Amino acid sequence: MSIVLNSSLRTITFDGLVIYNQDSRSDTASWTTVILSQVTSVVVEQVTFRVWYESTKDIEALHLDQVEEILGRQPFRALRKVLFELYGKRLYDGTREDAHNDGMQEITRRMKRLNGLGMLAFC
């Protein structure tokens, strides 16, 4: 799949990123970096990742170092927000944020540059 000809994209959403029991050697979600590297639209303002995971180890499968590097390229100069919607097989009492605090911390740790720019968001 190529999105090269879509030159007026404002938002990109990756839905259904199910990464249970994965790690950095997994290519389960590596297609996201392929898609992002094809973006030619210079008006992308938001990229959203809807992620289903079980442990912070699973987050390695997102290859966030590559994602952050790609999002720092020229086509993404209008980028304002990188949103992570976190879901998973977790039993908890309290808020969804409580259940996914470790995931938010892991993503923040792995995406230091975007976090420093105030672009990371979670819901």
PDB file of N, CA and C in Angstrom:
ATOM      1  N   MET A   1       0.847  -1.175   0.000  1.00  0.00           N
ATOM      2  CA  MET A   1       0.000   0.000   0.000  1.00  0.00           C
ATOM      3  C   MET A   1       0.892   1.238   0.000  1.00  0.00           C
ATOM      4  N   SER A   2       0.529   2.204  -0.817  1.00  0.00           N
ATOM      5  CA  SER A   2       1.287   3.443  -0.885  1.00  0.00           C
ATOM      6  C   SER A   2       0.349   4.630  -0.659  1.00  0.00           C
ATOM      7  N   ILE A   3       0.844   5.593   0.082  1.00  0.00           N
ATOM      8  CA  ILE A   3       0.054   6.816   0.293  1.00  0.00           C
ATOM      9  C   ILE A   3       0.779   8.036  -0.271  1.00  0.00           C
ATOM     10  N   VAL A   4       1.736   7.802  -1.137  1.00  0.00           N
ATOM     11  CA  VAL A   4       2.558   8.870  -1.694  1.00  0.00           C
ATOM     12  C   VAL A   4       1.717   9.949  -2.366  1.00  0.00           C
ATOM     13  N   LEU A   5       0.663   9.574  -3.058  1.00  0.00           N
ATOM     14  CA  LEU A   5      -0.124  10.543  -3.813  1.00  0.00           C
ATOM     15  C   LEU A   5      -1.111  11.319  -2.956  1.00  0.00           C
ATOM     16  N   ASN A   6      -1.256  10.977  -1.694  1.00  0.00           N
ATOM     17  CA  ASN A   6      -2.155  11.687  -0.785  1.00  0.00           C
ATOM     18  C   ASN A   6      -1.417  12.884  -0.178  1.00  0.00           C
ATOM     19  N   SER A   7      -1.392  13.974  -0.921  1.00  0.00           N
ATOM     20  CA  SER A   7      -0.567  15.116  -0.519  1.00  0.00           C
ATOM     21  C   SER A   7      -1.274  16.103   0.400  1.00  0.00           C
ATOM     22  N   SER A   8      -2.520  15.811   0.792  1.00  0.00           N
ATOM     23  CA  SER A   8      -3.217  16.749   1.676  1.00  0.00           C
ATOM     24  C   SER A   8      -3.711  16.084   2.962  1.00  0.00           C
ATOM     25  N   LEU A   9      -3.071  15.006   3.368  1.00  0.00           N
ATOM     26  CA  LEU A   9      -3.439  14.346   4.625  1.00  0.00           C
ATOM     27  C   LEU A   9      -3.182  15.271   5.807  1.00  0.00           C
ATOM     28  N   ARG A  10      -4.138  15.361   6.715  1.00  0.00           N
ATOM     29  CA  ARG A  10      -3.954  16.151   7.937  1.00  0.00           C
ATOM     30  C   ARG A  10      -3.793  15.249   9.161  1.00  0.00           C
ATOM     31  N   THR A  11      -4.435  14.095   9.120  1.00  0.00           N
ATOM     32  CA  THR A  11      -4.305  13.138  10.223  1.00  0.00           C
ATOM     33  C   THR A  11      -4.054  11.751   9.658  1.00  0.00           C
ATOM     34  N   ILE A  12      -3.299  10.980  10.422  1.00  0.00           N
ATOM     35  CA  ILE A  12      -3.033   9.583  10.084  1.00  0.00           C
ATOM     36  C   ILE A  12      -3.318   8.779  11.333  1.00  0.00           C
ATOM     37  N   THR A  13      -4.123   7.727  11.204  1.00  0.00           N
ATOM     38  CA  THR A  13      -4.444   6.880  12.351  1.00  0.00           C
ATOM     39  C   THR A  13      -4.096   5.435  12.035  1.00  0.00           C
ATOM     40  N   PHE A  14      -3.329   4.843  12.927  1.00  0.00           N
ATOM     41  CA  PHE A  14      -3.014   3.422  12.862  1.00  0.00           C
ATOM     42  C   PHE A  14      -3.878   2.724  13.890  1.00  0.00           C
ATOM     43  N   ASP A  15      -4.879   2.007  13.421  1.00  0.00           N
ATOM     44  CA  ASP A  15      -5.839   1.342  14.302  1.00  0.00           C
ATOM     45  C   ASP A  15      -5.561  -0.155  14.293  1.00  0.00           C
ATOM     46  N   GLY A  16      -5.864  -0.795  15.399  1.00  0.00           N
ATOM     47  CA  GLY A  16      -5.734  -2.243  15.461  1.00  0.00           C
ATOM     48  C   GLY A  16      -4.309  -2.741  15.601  1.00  0.00           C
ATOM     49  N   LEU A  17      -3.459  -1.964  16.256  1.00  0.00           N
ATOM     50  CA  LEU A  17      -2.081  -2.411  16.498  1.00  0.00           C
ATOM     51  C   LEU A  17      -2.079  -3.344  17.713  1.00  0.00           C
ATOM     52  N   VAL A  18      -2.293  -4.615  17.458  1.00  0.00           N
ATOM     53  CA  VAL A  18      -2.344  -5.616  18.520  1.00  0.00           C
ATOM     54  C   VAL A  18      -0.953  -6.219  18.652  1.00  0.00           C
ATOM     55  N   ILE A  19      -0.291  -5.925  19.763  1.00  0.00           N
ATOM     56  CA  ILE A  19       1.114  -6.334  19.920  1.00  0.00           C
ATOM     57  C   ILE A  19       1.331  -7.181  21.168  1.00  0.00           C
ATOM     58  N   TYR A  20       0.355  -8.009  21.521  1.00  0.00           N
ATOM     59  CA  TYR A  20       0.510  -8.901  22.670  1.00  0.00           C
ATOM     60  C   TYR A  20       1.696  -9.840  22.461  1.00  0.00           C
ATOM     61  N   ASN A  21       2.492 -10.004  23.503  1.00  0.00           N
ATOM     62  CA  ASN A  21       3.611 -10.953  23.504  1.00  0.00           C
ATOM     63  C   ASN A  21       4.583 -10.727  22.353  1.00  0.00           C
ATOM     64  N   GLN A  22       4.948  -9.470  22.133  1.00  0.00           N
ATOM     65  CA  GLN A  22       5.882  -9.112  21.075  1.00  0.00           C
ATOM     66  C   GLN A  22       7.109  -8.447  21.684  1.00  0.00           C
ATOM     67  N   ASP A  23       8.125  -8.221  20.864  1.00  0.00           N
ATOM     68  CA  ASP A  23       9.307  -7.480  21.294  1.00  0.00           C
ATOM     69  C   ASP A  23       9.935  -6.820  20.076  1.00  0.00           C
ATOM     70  N   SER A  24      11.148  -6.306  20.234  1.00  0.00           N
ATOM     71  CA  SER A  24      11.792  -5.536  19.166  1.00  0.00           C
ATOM     72  C   SER A  24      12.097  -6.365  17.919  1.00  0.00           C
ATOM     73  N   ARG A  25      12.149  -7.675  18.039  1.00  0.00           N
ATOM     74  CA  ARG A  25      12.418  -8.520  16.868  1.00  0.00           C
ATOM     75  C   ARG A  25      11.153  -8.764  16.040  1.00  0.00           C
ATOM     76  N   SER A  26      10.028  -8.383  16.566  1.00  0.00           N
ATOM     77  CA  SER A  26       8.754  -8.619  15.891  1.00  0.00           C
ATOM     78  C   SER A  26       8.539  -7.616  14.765  1.00  0.00           C
ATOM     79  N   ASP A  27       7.952  -8.103  13.679  1.00  0.00           N
ATOM     80  CA  ASP A  27       7.592  -7.187  12.598  1.00  0.00           C
ATOM     81  C   ASP A  27       6.080  -6.961  12.547  1.00  0.00           C
ATOM     82  N   THR A  28       5.401  -7.306  13.634  1.00  0.00           N
ATOM     83  CA  THR A  28       3.946  -7.179  13.711  1.00  0.00           C
ATOM     84  C   THR A  28       3.477  -5.765  13.378  1.00  0.00           C
ATOM     85  N   ALA A  29       4.151  -4.768  13.878  1.00  0.00           N
ATOM     86  CA  ALA A  29       3.742  -3.383  13.653  1.00  0.00           C
ATOM     87  C   ALA A  29       4.744  -2.608  12.815  1.00  0.00           C
ATOM     88  N   SER A  30       5.702  -3.282  12.200  1.00  0.00           N
ATOM     89  CA  SER A  30       6.732  -2.573  11.436  1.00  0.00           C
ATOM     90  C   SER A  30       6.163  -1.893  10.189  1.00  0.00           C
ATOM     91  N   TRP A  31       5.000  -2.318   9.754  1.00  0.00           N
ATOM     92  CA  TRP A  31       4.380  -1.682   8.590  1.00  0.00           C
ATOM     93  C   TRP A  31       4.064  -0.212   8.859  1.00  0.00           C
ATOM     94  N   THR A  32       3.922   0.171  10.128  1.00  0.00           N
ATOM     95  CA  THR A  32       3.634   1.581  10.424  1.00  0.00           C
ATOM     96  C   THR A  32       4.787   2.475   9.975  1.00  0.00           C
ATOM     97  N   THR A  33       6.017   2.014  10.162  1.00  0.00           N
ATOM     98  CA  THR A  33       7.167   2.821   9.738  1.00  0.00           C
ATOM     99  C   THR A  33       7.246   2.898   8.209  1.00  0.00           C
ATOM    100  N   VAL A  34       6.844   1.826   7.540  1.00  0.00           N
ATOM    101  CA  VAL A  34       6.833   1.832   6.071  1.00  0.00           C
ATOM    102  C   VAL A  34       5.836   2.876   5.579  1.00  0.00           C
ATOM    103  N   ILE A  35       4.641   2.869   6.144  1.00  0.00           N
ATOM    104  CA  ILE A  35       3.612   3.839   5.743  1.00  0.00           C
ATOM    105  C   ILE A  35       4.078   5.266   6.039  1.00  0.00           C
ATOM    106  N   LEU A  36       4.573   5.507   7.260  1.00  0.00           N
ATOM    107  CA  LEU A  36       5.008   6.856   7.627  1.00  0.00           C
ATOM    108  C   LEU A  36       6.127   7.363   6.719  1.00  0.00           C
ATOM    109  N   SER A  37       7.028   6.482   6.329  1.00  0.00           N
ATOM    110  CA  SER A  37       8.150   6.912   5.490  1.00  0.00           C
ATOM    111  C   SER A  37       7.702   7.279   4.076  1.00  0.00           C
ATOM    112  N   GLN A  38       6.478   6.912   3.695  1.00  0.00           N
ATOM    113  CA  GLN A  38       5.952   7.244   2.368  1.00  0.00           C
ATOM    114  C   GLN A  38       5.166   8.552   2.345  1.00  0.00           C
ATOM    115  N   VAL A  39       4.942   9.148   3.494  1.00  0.00           N
ATOM    116  CA  VAL A  39       4.122  10.353   3.566  1.00  0.00           C
ATOM    117  C   VAL A  39       4.794  11.506   2.828  1.00  0.00           C
ATOM    118  N   THR A  40       4.035  12.143   1.960  1.00  0.00           N
ATOM    119  CA  THR A  40       4.520  13.324   1.248  1.00  0.00           C
ATOM    120  C   THR A  40       3.740  14.575   1.627  1.00  0.00           C
ATOM    121  N   SER A  41       2.613  14.404   2.297  1.00  0.00           N
ATOM    122  CA  SER A  41       1.807  15.550   2.720  1.00  0.00           C
ATOM    123  C   SER A  41       2.588  16.372   3.741  1.00  0.00           C
ATOM    124  N   VAL A  42       2.650  17.672   3.522  1.00  0.00           N
ATOM    125  CA  VAL A  42       3.367  18.552   4.458  1.00  0.00           C
ATOM    126  C   VAL A  42       2.405  19.235   5.424  1.00  0.00           C
ATOM    127  N   VAL A  43       1.147  18.773   5.455  1.00  0.00           N
ATOM    128  CA  VAL A  43       0.154  19.382   6.343  1.00  0.00           C
ATOM    129  C   VAL A  43      -0.352  18.406   7.414  1.00  0.00           C
ATOM    130  N   VAL A  44       0.350  17.295   7.618  1.00  0.00           N
ATOM    131  CA  VAL A  44      -0.051  16.342   8.656  1.00  0.00           C
ATOM    132  C   VAL A  44       0.121  17.004  10.019  1.00  0.00           C
ATOM    133  N   GLU A  45      -0.965  17.070  10.779  1.00  0.00           N
ATOM    134  CA  GLU A  45      -0.942  17.703  12.094  1.00  0.00           C
ATOM    135  C   GLU A  45      -0.990  16.689  13.232  1.00  0.00           C
ATOM    136  N   GLN A  46      -1.532  15.491  12.964  1.00  0.00           N
ATOM    137  CA  GLN A  46      -1.661  14.510  14.039  1.00  0.00           C
ATOM    138  C   GLN A  46      -1.475  13.098  13.496  1.00  0.00           C
ATOM    139  N   VAL A  47      -0.757  12.302  14.278  1.00  0.00           N
ATOM    140  CA  VAL A  47      -0.619  10.874  14.011  1.00  0.00           C
ATOM    141  C   VAL A  47      -1.112  10.152  15.260  1.00  0.00           C
ATOM    142  N   THR A  48      -2.025   9.204  15.076  1.00  0.00           N
ATOM    143  CA  THR A  48      -2.612   8.469  16.189  1.00  0.00           C
ATOM    144  C   THR A  48      -2.285   6.988  16.072  1.00  0.00           C
ATOM    145  N   PHE A  49      -1.926   6.392  17.205  1.00  0.00           N
ATOM    146  CA  PHE A  49      -1.678   4.957  17.290  1.00  0.00           C
ATOM    147  C   PHE A  49      -2.661   4.365  18.290  1.00  0.00           C
ATOM    148  N   ARG A  50      -3.513   3.441  17.851  1.00  0.00           N
ATOM    149  CA  ARG A  50      -4.414   2.712  18.756  1.00  0.00           C
ATOM    150  C   ARG A  50      -3.770   1.362  19.013  1.00  0.00           C
ATOM    151  N   VAL A  51      -3.281   1.191  20.248  1.00  0.00           N
ATOM    152  CA  VAL A  51      -2.417   0.056  20.579  1.00  0.00           C
ATOM    153  C   VAL A  51      -3.061  -0.839  21.632  1.00  0.00           C
ATOM    154  N   TRP A  52      -3.089  -2.127  21.343  1.00  0.00           N
ATOM    155  CA  TRP A  52      -3.505  -3.135  22.319  1.00  0.00           C
ATOM    156  C   TRP A  52      -2.239  -3.885  22.744  1.00  0.00           C
ATOM    157  N   TYR A  53      -1.908  -3.836  24.029  1.00  0.00           N
ATOM    158  CA  TYR A  53      -0.696  -4.461  24.530  1.00  0.00           C
ATOM    159  C   TYR A  53      -0.961  -5.046  25.916  1.00  0.00           C
ATOM    160  N   GLU A  54      -0.027  -5.882  26.365  1.00  0.00           N
ATOM    161  CA  GLU A  54      -0.182  -6.460  27.694  1.00  0.00           C
ATOM    162  C   GLU A  54       0.910  -6.014  28.648  1.00  0.00           C
ATOM    163  N   SER A  55       2.123  -5.891  28.151  1.00  0.00           N
ATOM    164  CA  SER A  55       3.222  -5.451  29.015  1.00  0.00           C
ATOM    165  C   SER A  55       4.065  -4.421  28.276  1.00  0.00           C
ATOM    166  N   THR A  56       4.905  -3.717  29.033  1.00  0.00           N
ATOM    167  CA  THR A  56       5.749  -2.703  28.398  1.00  0.00           C
ATOM    168  C   THR A  56       6.727  -3.341  27.410  1.00  0.00           C
ATOM    169  N   LYS A  57       7.049  -4.594  27.591  1.00  0.00           N
ATOM    170  CA  LYS A  57       7.923  -5.307  26.644  1.00  0.00           C
ATOM    171  C   LYS A  57       7.292  -5.325  25.252  1.00  0.00           C
ATOM    172  N   ASP A  58       5.967  -5.442  25.216  1.00  0.00           N
ATOM    173  CA  ASP A  58       5.262  -5.455  23.927  1.00  0.00           C
ATOM    174  C   ASP A  58       5.490  -4.169  23.138  1.00  0.00           C
ATOM    175  N   ILE A  59       5.675  -3.065  23.830  1.00  0.00           N
ATOM    176  CA  ILE A  59       5.806  -1.754  23.180  1.00  0.00           C
ATOM    177  C   ILE A  59       7.037  -1.699  22.284  1.00  0.00           C
ATOM    178  N   GLU A  60       8.021  -2.559  22.546  1.00  0.00           N
ATOM    179  CA  GLU A  60       9.204  -2.616  21.682  1.00  0.00           C
ATOM    180  C   GLU A  60       8.823  -2.912  20.237  1.00  0.00           C
ATOM    181  N   ALA A  61       7.733  -3.642  20.030  1.00  0.00           N
ATOM    182  CA  ALA A  61       7.306  -4.015  18.678  1.00  0.00           C
ATOM    183  C   ALA A  61       6.841  -2.819  17.853  1.00  0.00           C
ATOM    184  N   LEU A  62       6.626  -1.681  18.490  1.00  0.00           N
ATOM    185  CA  LEU A  62       6.208  -0.482  17.758  1.00  0.00           C
ATOM    186  C   LEU A  62       7.377   0.223  17.070  1.00  0.00           C
ATOM    187  N   HIS A  63       8.604  -0.159  17.414  1.00  0.00           N
ATOM    188  CA  HIS A  63       9.805   0.438  16.820  1.00  0.00           C
ATOM    189  C   HIS A  63       9.743   1.970  16.912  1.00  0.00           C
ATOM    190  N   LEU A  64       9.503   2.452  18.119  1.00  0.00           N
ATOM    191  CA  LEU A  64       9.284   3.886  18.335  1.00  0.00           C
ATOM    192  C   LEU A  64      10.509   4.739  18.015  1.00  0.00           C
ATOM    193  N   ASP A  65      11.708   4.178  18.077  1.00  0.00           N
ATOM    194  CA  ASP A  65      12.892   4.935  17.686  1.00  0.00           C
ATOM    195  C   ASP A  65      12.811   5.289  16.206  1.00  0.00           C
ATOM    196  N   GLN A  66      12.380   4.346  15.385  1.00  0.00           N
ATOM    197  CA  GLN A  66      12.224   4.601  13.952  1.00  0.00           C
ATOM    198  C   GLN A  66      11.060   5.568  13.696  1.00  0.00           C
ATOM    199  N   VAL A  67       9.967   5.370  14.409  1.00  0.00           N
ATOM    200  CA  VAL A  67       8.808   6.260  14.259  1.00  0.00           C
ATOM    201  C   VAL A  67       9.220   7.693  14.574  1.00  0.00           C
ATOM    202  N   GLU A  68       9.919   7.884  15.685  1.00  0.00           N
ATOM    203  CA  GLU A  68      10.321   9.244  16.071  1.00  0.00           C
ATOM    204  C   GLU A  68      11.264   9.858  15.041  1.00  0.00           C
ATOM    205  N   GLU A  69      12.169   9.067  14.503  1.00  0.00           N
ATOM    206  CA  GLU A  69      13.099   9.570  13.486  1.00  0.00           C
ATOM    207  C   GLU A  69      12.327  10.002  12.235  1.00  0.00           C
ATOM    208  N   ILE A  70      11.382   9.200  11.799  1.00  0.00           N
ATOM    209  CA  ILE A  70      10.587   9.528  10.612  1.00  0.00           C
ATOM    210  C   ILE A  70       9.749  10.782  10.857  1.00  0.00           C
ATOM    211  N   LEU A  71       9.153  10.889  12.036  1.00  0.00           N
ATOM    212  CA  LEU A  71       8.308  12.047  12.332  1.00  0.00           C
ATOM    213  C   LEU A  71       9.114  13.341  12.470  1.00  0.00           C
ATOM    214  N   GLY A  72      10.423  13.221  12.546  1.00  0.00           N
ATOM    215  CA  GLY A  72      11.286  14.396  12.587  1.00  0.00           C
ATOM    216  C   GLY A  72      11.694  14.887  11.205  1.00  0.00           C
ATOM    217  N   ARG A  73      11.284  14.188  10.174  1.00  0.00           N
ATOM    218  CA  ARG A  73      11.639  14.563   8.796  1.00  0.00           C
ATOM    219  C   ARG A  73      10.770  15.714   8.287  1.00  0.00           C
ATOM    220  N   GLN A  74      11.226  16.300   7.193  1.00  0.00           N
ATOM    221  CA  GLN A  74      10.590  17.476   6.594  1.00  0.00           C
ATOM    222  C   GLN A  74       9.091  17.334   6.317  1.00  0.00           C
ATOM    223  N   PRO A  75       8.599  16.206   5.788  1.00  0.00           N
ATOM    224  CA  PRO A  75       7.161  16.145   5.517  1.00  0.00           C
ATOM    225  C   PRO A  75       6.285  16.359   6.754  1.00  0.00           C
ATOM    226  N   PHE A  76       6.830  16.146   7.935  1.00  0.00           N
ATOM    227  CA  PHE A  76       6.046  16.272   9.163  1.00  0.00           C
ATOM    228  C   PHE A  76       6.280  17.596   9.884  1.00  0.00           C
ATOM    229  N   ARG A  77       6.688  18.618   9.175  1.00  0.00           N
ATOM    230  CA  ARG A  77       6.976  19.905   9.816  1.00  0.00           C
ATOM    231  C   ARG A  77       5.742  20.563  10.429  1.00  0.00           C
ATOM    232  N   ALA A  78       4.533  20.186   9.987  1.00  0.00           N
ATOM    233  CA  ALA A  78       3.299  20.752  10.558  1.00  0.00           C
ATOM    234  C   ALA A  78       2.764  19.911  11.721  1.00  0.00           C
ATOM    235  N   LEU A  79       3.451  18.841  12.064  1.00  0.00           N
ATOM    236  CA  LEU A  79       2.979  17.928  13.109  1.00  0.00           C
ATOM    237  C   LEU A  79       2.849  18.645  14.451  1.00  0.00           C
ATOM    238  N   ARG A  80       1.707  18.470  15.092  1.00  0.00           N
ATOM    239  CA  ARG A  80       1.429  19.091  16.383  1.00  0.00           C
ATOM    240  C   ARG A  80       1.208  18.073  17.489  1.00  0.00           C
ATOM    241  N   LYS A  81       0.717  16.873  17.116  1.00  0.00           N
ATOM    242  CA  LYS A  81       0.386  15.901  18.153  1.00  0.00           C
ATOM    243  C   LYS A  81       0.607  14.473  17.666  1.00  0.00           C
ATOM    244  N   VAL A  82       1.185  13.652  18.566  1.00  0.00           N
ATOM    245  CA  VAL A  82       1.290  12.215  18.360  1.00  0.00           C
ATOM    246  C   VAL A  82       0.513  11.586  19.509  1.00  0.00           C
ATOM    247  N   LEU A  83      -0.622  11.016  19.178  1.00  0.00           N
ATOM    248  CA  LEU A  83      -1.555  10.507  20.181  1.00  0.00           C
ATOM    249  C   LEU A  83      -1.486   8.992  20.255  1.00  0.00           C
ATOM    250  N   PHE A  84      -1.400   8.480  21.487  1.00  0.00           N
ATOM    251  CA  PHE A  84      -1.449   7.044  21.726  1.00  0.00           C
ATOM    252  C   PHE A  84      -2.706   6.729  22.513  1.00  0.00           C
ATOM    253  N   GLU A  85      -3.552   5.896  21.936  1.00  0.00           N
ATOM    254  CA  GLU A  85      -4.718   5.370  22.634  1.00  0.00           C
ATOM    255  C   GLU A  85      -4.346   3.955  23.050  1.00  0.00           C
ATOM    256  N   LEU A  86      -4.249   3.732  24.349  1.00  0.00           N
ATOM    257  CA  LEU A  86      -3.763   2.452  24.864  1.00  0.00           C
ATOM    258  C   LEU A  86      -4.906   1.583  25.373  1.00  0.00           C
ATOM    259  N   TYR A  87      -4.888   0.331  24.951  1.00  0.00           N
ATOM    260  CA  TYR A  87      -5.880  -0.656  25.347  1.00  0.00           C
ATOM    261  C   TYR A  87      -5.137  -1.941  25.688  1.00  0.00           C
ATOM    262  N   GLY A  88      -5.826  -2.879  26.313  1.00  0.00           N
ATOM    263  CA  GLY A  88      -5.157  -4.144  26.549  1.00  0.00           C
ATOM    264  C   GLY A  88      -5.915  -5.088  27.442  1.00  0.00           C
ATOM    265  N   LYS A  89      -5.305  -6.257  27.619  1.00  0.00           N
ATOM    266  CA  LYS A  89      -5.880  -7.321  28.434  1.00  0.00           C
ATOM    267  C   LYS A  89      -5.471  -7.118  29.892  1.00  0.00           C
ATOM    268  N   ARG A  90      -5.937  -6.073  30.495  1.00  0.00           N
ATOM    269  CA  ARG A  90      -5.544  -5.781  31.861  1.00  0.00           C
ATOM    270  C   ARG A  90      -6.763  -5.698  32.753  1.00  0.00           C
ATOM    271  N   LEU A  91      -6.658  -6.308  33.920  1.00  0.00           N
ATOM    272  CA  LEU A  91      -7.707  -6.182  34.920  1.00  0.00           C
ATOM    273  C   LEU A  91      -7.253  -5.126  35.909  1.00  0.00           C
ATOM    274  N   TYR A  92      -8.121  -4.192  36.226  1.00  0.00           N
ATOM    275  CA  TYR A  92      -7.717  -3.125  37.120  1.00  0.00           C
ATOM    276  C   TYR A  92      -8.933  -2.491  37.782  1.00  0.00           C
ATOM    277  N   ASP A  93      -8.685  -1.848  38.874  1.00  0.00           N
ATOM    278  CA  ASP A  93      -9.680  -1.008  39.524  1.00  0.00           C
ATOM    279  C   ASP A  93      -9.192   0.419  39.352  1.00  0.00           C
ATOM    280  N   GLY A  94     -10.062   1.295  39.019  1.00  0.00           N
ATOM    281  CA  GLY A  94      -9.660   2.687  38.842  1.00  0.00           C
ATOM    282  C   GLY A  94      -9.807   3.110  37.409  1.00  0.00           C
ATOM    283  N   THR A  95      -9.022   4.096  37.032  1.00  0.00           N
ATOM    284  CA  THR A  95      -9.147   4.678  35.698  1.00  0.00           C
ATOM    285  C   THR A  95      -8.310   3.930  34.674  1.00  0.00           C
ATOM    286  N   ARG A  96      -8.616   4.160  33.432  1.00  0.00           N
ATOM    287  CA  ARG A  96      -7.847   3.565  32.345  1.00  0.00           C
ATOM    288  C   ARG A  96      -6.405   4.074  32.385  1.00  0.00           C
ATOM    289  N   GLU A  97      -6.240   5.334  32.776  1.00  0.00           N
ATOM    290  CA  GLU A  97      -4.897   5.908  32.876  1.00  0.00           C
ATOM    291  C   GLU A  97      -4.072   5.154  33.913  1.00  0.00           C
ATOM    292  N   ASP A  98      -4.688   4.771  35.035  1.00  0.00           N
ATOM    293  CA  ASP A  98      -3.971   3.999  36.052  1.00  0.00           C
ATOM    294  C   ASP A  98      -3.479   2.676  35.463  1.00  0.00           C
ATOM    295  N   ALA A  99      -4.327   2.028  34.693  1.00  0.00           N
ATOM    296  CA  ALA A  99      -3.983   0.719  34.136  1.00  0.00           C
ATOM    297  C   ALA A  99      -2.867   0.817  33.107  1.00  0.00           C
ATOM    298  N   HIS A 100      -2.776   1.932  32.427  1.00  0.00           N
ATOM    299  CA  HIS A 100      -1.795   2.066  31.345  1.00  0.00           C
ATOM    300  C   HIS A 100      -0.680   3.059  31.653  1.00  0.00           C
ATOM    301  N   ASN A 101      -0.513   3.400  32.909  1.00  0.00           N
ATOM    302  CA  ASN A 101       0.535   4.337  33.291  1.00  0.00           C
ATOM    303  C   ASN A 101       1.915   3.834  32.873  1.00  0.00           C
ATOM    304  N   ASP A 102       2.164   2.538  33.049  1.00  0.00           N
ATOM    305  CA  ASP A 102       3.478   2.006  32.665  1.00  0.00           C
ATOM    306  C   ASP A 102       3.696   2.103  31.159  1.00  0.00           C
ATOM    307  N   GLY A 103       2.649   1.895  30.370  1.00  0.00           N
ATOM    308  CA  GLY A 103       2.766   2.044  28.920  1.00  0.00           C
ATOM    309  C   GLY A 103       3.044   3.476  28.520  1.00  0.00           C
ATOM    310  N   MET A 104       2.361   4.410  29.159  1.00  0.00           N
ATOM    311  CA  MET A 104       2.597   5.828  28.874  1.00  0.00           C
ATOM    312  C   MET A 104       4.035   6.210  29.226  1.00  0.00           C
ATOM    313  N   GLN A 105       4.520   5.723  30.357  1.00  0.00           N
ATOM    314  CA  GLN A 105       5.893   6.025  30.758  1.00  0.00           C
ATOM    315  C   GLN A 105       6.903   5.433  29.773  1.00  0.00           C
ATOM    316  N   GLU A 106       6.648   4.216  29.307  1.00  0.00           N
ATOM    317  CA  GLU A 106       7.570   3.564  28.372  1.00  0.00           C
ATOM    318  C   GLU A 106       7.599   4.304  27.036  1.00  0.00           C
ATOM    319  N   ILE A 107       6.454   4.693  26.539  1.00  0.00           N
ATOM    320  CA  ILE A 107       6.399   5.431  25.276  1.00  0.00           C
ATOM    321  C   ILE A 107       7.088   6.783  25.431  1.00  0.00           C
ATOM    322  N   THR A 108       6.837   7.457  26.533  1.00  0.00           N
ATOM    323  CA  THR A 108       7.472   8.752  26.801  1.00  0.00           C
ATOM    324  C   THR A 108       8.986   8.601  26.864  1.00  0.00           C
ATOM    325  N   ARG A 109       9.459   7.539  27.506  1.00  0.00           N
ATOM    326  CA  ARG A 109      10.902   7.278  27.608  1.00  0.00           C
ATOM    327  C   ARG A 109      11.517   7.041  26.237  1.00  0.00           C
ATOM    328  N   ARG A 110      10.804   6.349  25.378  1.00  0.00           N
ATOM    329  CA  ARG A 110      11.326   5.999  24.060  1.00  0.00           C
ATOM    330  C   ARG A 110      11.197   7.140  23.040  1.00  0.00           C
ATOM    331  N   MET A 111      10.351   8.121  23.322  1.00  0.00           N
ATOM    332  CA  MET A 111      10.137   9.222  22.378  1.00  0.00           C
ATOM    333  C   MET A 111      10.474  10.552  23.055  1.00  0.00           C
ATOM    334  N   LYS A 112      11.693  10.650  23.518  1.00  0.00           N
ATOM    335  CA  LYS A 112      12.143  11.823  24.285  1.00  0.00           C
ATOM    336  C   LYS A 112      12.030  13.131  23.511  1.00  0.00           C
ATOM    337  N   ARG A 113      12.399  13.106  22.251  1.00  0.00           N
ATOM    338  CA  ARG A 113      12.382  14.345  21.463  1.00  0.00           C
ATOM    339  C   ARG A 113      10.956  14.875  21.310  1.00  0.00           C
ATOM    340  N   LEU A 114      10.041  13.998  20.902  1.00  0.00           N
ATOM    341  CA  LEU A 114       8.652  14.435  20.734  1.00  0.00           C
ATOM    342  C   LEU A 114       8.030  14.837  22.067  1.00  0.00           C
ATOM    343  N   ASN A 115       8.384  14.145  23.119  1.00  0.00           N
ATOM    344  CA  ASN A 115       7.879  14.513  24.442  1.00  0.00           C
ATOM    345  C   ASN A 115       8.404  15.900  24.833  1.00  0.00           C
ATOM    346  N   GLY A 116       9.689  16.139  24.578  1.00  0.00           N
ATOM    347  CA  GLY A 116      10.285  17.433  24.894  1.00  0.00           C
ATOM    348  C   GLY A 116       9.639  18.584  24.137  1.00  0.00           C
ATOM    349  N   LEU A 117       9.113  18.286  22.963  1.00  0.00           N
ATOM    350  CA  LEU A 117       8.428  19.305  22.147  1.00  0.00           C
ATOM    351  C   LEU A 117       6.959  19.445  22.545  1.00  0.00           C
ATOM    352  N   GLY A 118       6.525  18.643  23.506  1.00  0.00           N
ATOM    353  CA  GLY A 118       5.133  18.702  23.962  1.00  0.00           C
ATOM    354  C   GLY A 118       4.142  18.093  22.989  1.00  0.00           C
ATOM    355  N   MET A 119       4.603  17.205  22.138  1.00  0.00           N
ATOM    356  CA  MET A 119       3.731  16.626  21.114  1.00  0.00           C
ATOM    357  C   MET A 119       3.059  15.324  21.535  1.00  0.00           C
ATOM    358  N   LEU A 120       3.597  14.636  22.528  1.00  0.00           N
ATOM    359  CA  LEU A 120       3.014  13.357  22.931  1.00  0.00           C
ATOM    360  C   LEU A 120       1.736  13.563  23.713  1.00  0.00           C
ATOM    361  N   ALA A 121       0.745  12.742  23.407  1.00  0.00           N
ATOM    362  CA  ALA A 121      -0.529  12.785  24.145  1.00  0.00           C
ATOM    363  C   ALA A 121      -1.049  11.361  24.289  1.00  0.00           C
ATOM    364  N   PHE A 122      -1.827  11.136  25.337  1.00  0.00           N
ATOM    365  CA  PHE A 122      -2.379   9.819  25.619  1.00  0.00           C
ATOM    366  C   PHE A 122      -3.860   9.933  25.952  1.00  0.00           C
ATOM    367  N   CYS A 123      -4.600   8.916  25.578  1.00  0.00           N
ATOM    368  CA  CYS A 123      -5.993   8.843  26.006  1.00  0.00           C
ATOM    369  C   CYS A 123      -6.416   7.384  26.050  1.00  0.00           C
TER     370      CYS A 123
END
